Amino acid sequence: MTGAQGGEVIALLRGRLHALNDLALTLKHIHWNVVGPHFIAVHEMLDPQVDSVREMIDKTAERISTLGGSPPGTPGVLVAERGWEDYAVGRAESIEHLGALDLVYTGIIEDHRKAVRATDEPDPITQDLLIEQLRELELFQWFVRAHLESAGGTLSTAGADTERDAAERAARQAKKQP
């Protein structure tokens, strides 16, 4: 890998590091703010996800260091460099948080896939790390979607483009269920 390629991979990993740090914080936010009849199921489902994402964060930061970069770990850098807004749902029913979280996972997974493609040629080691992370992120999204999907495969959040919209769609669909 050339020096320029290494710099590009480090920059790409910084973005992934910010996304994963944000995800870990968002998952804890949901964990603390989820209410309703399915509270305990969602509350307990999230802690292992947080632990796994924190491990992803550590491995991503260590890869940045291995490549000669300096992994940013402060909230100010995360906020300054991220390209998204804070999670939009506060205290809410389980289904609302799951609807919004599905959108969060979709964004992270899509961006991880772009990073996988971008590292194919210059750095297969980083690509392998990202693929390993994708495997877990997709599994976690499946856990979330199991609460949002009908037996026929229809996702209650389909077509939502904001977290609040996804939360509202999930809540409306849940109210239609017998």
Protein backbone atom coordinates (compact mmCIF):
# COMPACT_ATOMS: atom_id res chain seq x y z
CA MET A 1 0.00 0.00 0.00
CA THR A 2 1.35 3.42 -0.90
CA GLY A 3 1.51 6.29 1.55
CA ALA A 4 -1.34 8.04 -0.23
CA GLN A 5 -3.47 4.88 -0.12
CA GLY A 6 -2.68 4.49 3.58
CA GLY A 7 -3.87 8.04 4.19
CA GLU A 8 -7.11 7.33 2.32
CA VAL A 9 -7.71 4.16 4.32
CA ILE A 10 -7.04 6.02 7.59
CA ALA A 11 -9.53 8.73 6.59
CA LEU A 12 -12.10 6.09 5.71
CA LEU A 13 -11.54 4.33 9.04
CA ARG A 14 -11.96 7.62 10.92
CA GLY A 15 -15.45 7.86 9.44
CA ARG A 16 -16.22 4.28 10.45
CA LEU A 17 -14.83 4.95 13.93
CA HIS A 18 -17.13 7.96 14.32
CA ALA A 19 -20.13 5.97 13.09
CA LEU A 20 -19.43 3.10 15.48
CA ASN A 21 -18.87 5.43 18.45
CA ASP A 22 -22.13 7.17 17.62
CA LEU A 23 -23.89 3.81 17.32
CA ALA A 24 -22.65 2.66 20.74
CA LEU A 25 -23.91 5.89 22.32
CA THR A 26 -27.23 5.64 20.46
CA LEU A 27 -27.74 2.06 21.59
CA LYS A 28 -27.17 3.08 25.22
CA HIS A 29 -29.51 6.06 24.76
CA ILE A 30 -32.22 3.69 23.55
CA HIS A 31 -31.42 1.24 26.36
CA TRP A 32 -32.04 4.02 28.90
CA ASN A 33 -35.08 5.57 27.19
CA VAL A 34 -37.12 2.61 26.01
CA VAL A 35 -40.53 2.10 27.66
CA GLY A 36 -43.65 0.06 27.11
CA PRO A 37 -44.76 -3.56 27.19
CA HIS A 38 -41.67 -4.85 25.39
CA PHE A 39 -39.27 -2.79 27.47
CA ILE A 40 -37.31 -5.65 29.02
CA ALA A 41 -36.86 -7.56 25.75
CA VAL A 42 -35.44 -4.51 23.97
CA HIS A 43 -33.51 -3.30 27.03
CA GLU A 44 -31.74 -6.65 27.37
CA MET A 45 -31.23 -7.10 23.62
CA LEU A 46 -29.22 -3.89 23.39
CA ASP A 47 -26.45 -4.46 25.96
CA PRO A 48 -24.74 -7.26 24.00
CA GLN A 49 -24.96 -5.07 20.89
CA VAL A 50 -23.28 -2.21 22.76
CA ASP A 51 -20.51 -4.53 23.95
CA SER A 52 -19.93 -5.84 20.44
CA VAL A 53 -19.92 -2.37 18.88
CA ARG A 54 -17.44 -1.18 21.52
CA GLU A 55 -15.16 -4.03 20.49
CA MET A 56 -15.53 -2.93 16.86
CA ILE A 57 -14.56 0.59 17.93
CA ASP A 58 -11.41 -0.67 19.61
CA LYS A 59 -10.37 -2.77 16.62
CA THR A 60 -11.04 0.10 14.23
CA ALA A 61 -8.99 2.53 16.34
CA GLU A 62 -6.17 0.00 16.59
CA ARG A 63 -6.18 -0.45 12.81
CA ILE A 64 -5.87 3.31 12.38
CA SER A 65 -2.87 3.26 14.72
CA THR A 66 -1.37 0.27 12.93
CA LEU A 67 -1.53 2.22 9.67
CA GLY A 68 0.28 5.16 11.28
CA GLY A 69 -2.73 7.33 12.04
CA SER A 70 -4.02 8.82 15.25
CA PRO A 71 -7.53 7.57 16.10
CA PRO A 72 -9.75 10.39 17.35
CA GLY A 73 -11.60 9.48 20.51
CA THR A 74 -13.13 12.72 21.69
CA PRO A 75 -16.79 13.71 21.34
CA GLY A 76 -15.85 17.05 19.81
CA VAL A 77 -14.02 15.43 16.90
CA LEU A 78 -16.87 12.98 16.36
CA VAL A 79 -19.43 15.78 16.22
CA ALA A 80 -17.22 18.00 14.03
CA GLU A 81 -16.45 15.26 11.50
CA ARG A 82 -19.70 13.32 11.32
CA GLY A 83 -22.15 13.79 8.47
CA TRP A 84 -25.38 13.06 10.34
CA GLU A 85 -27.52 14.52 13.10
CA ASP A 86 -28.02 13.13 16.60
CA TYR A 87 -30.48 10.31 17.10
CA ALA A 88 -33.92 11.91 17.00
CA VAL A 89 -36.02 9.87 19.45
CA GLY A 90 -36.07 10.42 23.21
CA ARG A 91 -38.17 8.49 25.73
CA ALA A 92 -40.45 6.31 23.59
CA GLU A 93 -42.16 2.95 23.19
CA SER A 94 -40.01 -0.01 22.24
CA ILE A 95 -41.44 -0.29 18.74
CA GLU A 96 -40.71 3.37 18.03
CA HIS A 97 -37.08 3.02 19.03
CA LEU A 98 -36.75 -0.18 17.02
CA GLY A 99 -38.18 1.55 13.95
CA ALA A 100 -35.69 4.39 14.28
CA LEU A 101 -32.82 2.03 15.10
CA ASP A 102 -33.51 0.08 11.92
CA LEU A 103 -32.76 3.25 9.94
CA VAL A 104 -29.59 3.84 11.97
CA TYR A 105 -28.39 0.34 11.20
CA THR A 106 -29.25 0.74 7.51
CA GLY A 107 -27.08 3.85 7.27
CA ILE A 108 -24.14 2.30 9.07
CA ILE A 109 -24.34 -0.91 7.05
CA GLU A 110 -24.54 0.97 3.74
CA ASP A 111 -21.50 3.08 4.64
CA HIS A 112 -19.59 0.02 5.86
CA ARG A 113 -20.30 -1.66 2.51
CA LYS A 114 -18.90 1.36 0.66
CA ALA A 115 -15.80 1.16 2.84
CA VAL A 116 -15.45 -2.55 2.06
CA ARG A 117 -15.48 -1.77 -1.66
CA ALA A 118 -13.02 1.09 -1.23
CA THR A 119 -10.49 -1.10 0.62
CA ASP A 120 -10.61 -4.04 -1.79
CA GLU A 121 -7.48 -3.09 -3.67
CA PRO A 122 -5.36 -1.01 -1.31
CA ASP A 123 -5.88 -2.84 1.98
CA PRO A 124 -7.47 -6.30 2.19
CA ILE A 125 -6.61 -6.45 5.92
CA THR A 126 -8.84 -3.45 6.65
CA GLN A 127 -11.42 -4.87 4.29
CA ASP A 128 -11.46 -8.10 6.29
CA LEU A 129 -11.98 -6.13 9.51
CA LEU A 130 -14.91 -4.25 7.97
CA ILE A 131 -16.48 -7.43 6.60
CA GLU A 132 -16.27 -9.02 10.06
CA GLN A 133 -18.00 -5.96 11.51
CA LEU A 134 -20.66 -6.03 8.81
CA ARG A 135 -21.50 -9.61 9.69
CA GLU A 136 -22.38 -8.55 13.24
CA LEU A 137 -24.08 -5.28 12.27
CA GLU A 138 -26.35 -7.12 9.84
CA LEU A 139 -27.17 -9.69 12.52
CA PHE A 140 -28.13 -6.91 14.94
CA GLN A 141 -30.31 -5.29 12.30
CA TRP A 142 -32.04 -8.63 11.77
CA PHE A 143 -32.78 -8.78 15.52
CA VAL A 144 -34.33 -5.30 15.28
CA ARG A 145 -36.27 -6.06 12.12
CA ALA A 146 -37.77 -9.20 13.64
CA HIS A 147 -39.90 -6.79 15.69
CA LEU A 148 -40.85 -4.68 12.66
CA GLU A 149 -41.59 -7.28 10.02
CA SER A 150 -44.86 -9.01 9.27
CA ALA A 151 -45.03 -12.75 8.66
CA GLY A 152 -45.29 -11.91 4.97
CA GLY A 153 -42.01 -10.00 5.06
CA THR A 154 -43.39 -6.47 4.99
CA LEU A 155 -41.27 -4.06 6.99
CA SER A 156 -43.33 -1.52 8.94
CA THR A 157 -40.67 1.14 8.40
CA ALA A 158 -40.44 0.68 4.62
CA GLY A 159 -40.12 4.02 2.87
CA ALA A 160 -39.20 5.97 6.00
CA ASP A 161 -36.41 8.46 5.46
CA THR A 162 -36.00 9.89 8.96
CA GLU A 163 -35.75 8.29 12.35
CA ARG A 164 -38.91 10.02 13.54
CA ASP A 165 -40.79 8.87 10.44
CA ALA A 166 -39.60 5.28 10.97
CA ALA A 167 -40.62 5.44 14.64
CA GLU A 168 -44.09 6.73 13.74
CA ARG A 169 -44.60 4.12 11.00
CA ALA A 170 -43.57 1.31 13.35
CA ALA A 171 -45.93 2.61 16.05
CA ARG A 172 -48.86 2.91 13.60
CA GLN A 173 -48.33 -0.62 12.34
CA ALA A 174 -48.07 -2.00 15.87
CA LYS A 175 -51.43 -0.42 16.74
CA LYS A 176 -53.02 -2.20 13.77
CA GLN A 177 -51.87 -5.59 15.08
CA PRO A 178 -54.53 -7.53 16.99
